[in-house]
Amino acid sequence: MRARESDEKTSAGLCPVCGGRTEKIRNLTVYGGTVTRGYRCKGCGYWTGLKRRVPTLYIFSPKS
């Protein structure tokens, strides 16, 4: 899948590709806290940063 970046902010919710739930991608800070870097779908692998990635092209290939 190819995507373009949108001006909209991303929020956790449903994956625009497969409809699955997205989970937060987090990093630890120097001070021991966490910060959200983006969101990832466990079902299809779609990911987005803090700016929403909008799918523009789907590429289908046979599974090996």
Protein backbone atom coordinates (compact mmCIF):
# COMPACT_ATOMS: atom_id res chain seq x y z
CA MET A 1 0.00 0.00 0.00
CA ARG A 2 1.20 3.50 -0.75
CA ALA A 3 -0.02 6.53 1.15
CA ARG A 4 0.24 10.30 1.31
CA GLU A 5 0.44 12.47 4.41
CA SER A 6 -2.59 14.58 5.29
CA ASP A 7 -2.82 17.77 7.35
CA GLU A 8 -5.25 16.04 9.75
CA LYS A 9 -4.04 14.71 13.10
CA THR A 10 -4.28 10.98 13.71
CA SER A 11 -6.29 9.35 16.45
CA ALA A 12 -6.56 5.72 17.55
CA GLY A 13 -9.43 3.91 15.95
CA LEU A 14 -10.08 1.71 12.95
CA CYS A 15 -7.52 0.95 10.24
CA PRO A 16 -8.49 2.57 6.90
CA VAL A 17 -7.08 -0.43 5.00
CA CYS A 18 -8.57 -3.51 6.70
CA GLY A 19 -10.92 -2.09 9.34
CA GLY A 20 -8.96 -3.60 12.26
CA ARG A 21 -8.08 -1.78 15.48
CA THR A 22 -4.93 0.36 15.60
CA GLU A 23 -2.55 0.36 18.55
CA LYS A 24 -0.28 3.15 19.76
CA ILE A 25 3.42 3.12 18.88
CA ARG A 26 5.19 4.52 21.96
CA ASN A 27 8.71 5.56 22.92
CA LEU A 28 10.23 6.13 26.35
CA THR A 29 11.41 9.64 27.20
CA VAL A 30 14.62 10.54 28.99
CA TYR A 31 12.57 11.27 32.12
CA GLY A 32 10.87 7.86 32.21
CA GLY A 33 7.57 8.84 30.62
CA THR A 34 6.15 7.73 27.29
CA VAL A 35 5.26 9.61 24.15
CA THR A 36 3.01 8.41 21.31
CA ARG A 37 4.83 8.35 17.95
CA GLY A 38 2.01 6.95 15.84
CA TYR A 39 -0.38 4.05 15.36
CA ARG A 40 -0.07 0.56 13.81
CA CYS A 41 -2.58 -2.06 12.71
CA LYS A 42 -1.63 -5.59 13.77
CA GLY A 43 -3.85 -7.12 11.09
CA CYS A 44 -2.39 -5.65 7.90
CA GLY A 45 0.69 -3.69 9.01
CA TYR A 46 -0.65 -0.22 8.12
CA TRP A 47 1.03 2.49 10.19
CA THR A 48 0.68 6.23 10.54
CA GLY A 49 2.53 8.94 12.41
CA LEU A 50 1.00 11.88 14.22
CA LYS A 51 -0.13 13.22 10.84
CA ARG A 52 -2.69 10.95 9.20
CA ARG A 53 -1.47 8.78 6.28
CA VAL A 54 -4.21 8.37 3.66
CA PRO A 55 -4.02 5.22 1.48
CA THR A 56 -3.71 6.11 -2.22
CA LEU A 57 -2.67 2.87 -3.95
CA TYR A 58 -3.22 -0.74 -2.98
CA ILE A 59 -0.86 -3.40 -4.37
CA PHE A 60 -2.01 -7.03 -4.13
CA SER A 61 0.43 -9.91 -4.36
CA PRO A 62 -0.01 -13.65 -3.86
CA LYS A 63 1.05 -15.05 -0.50
CA SER A 64 4.05 -17.36 -0.54
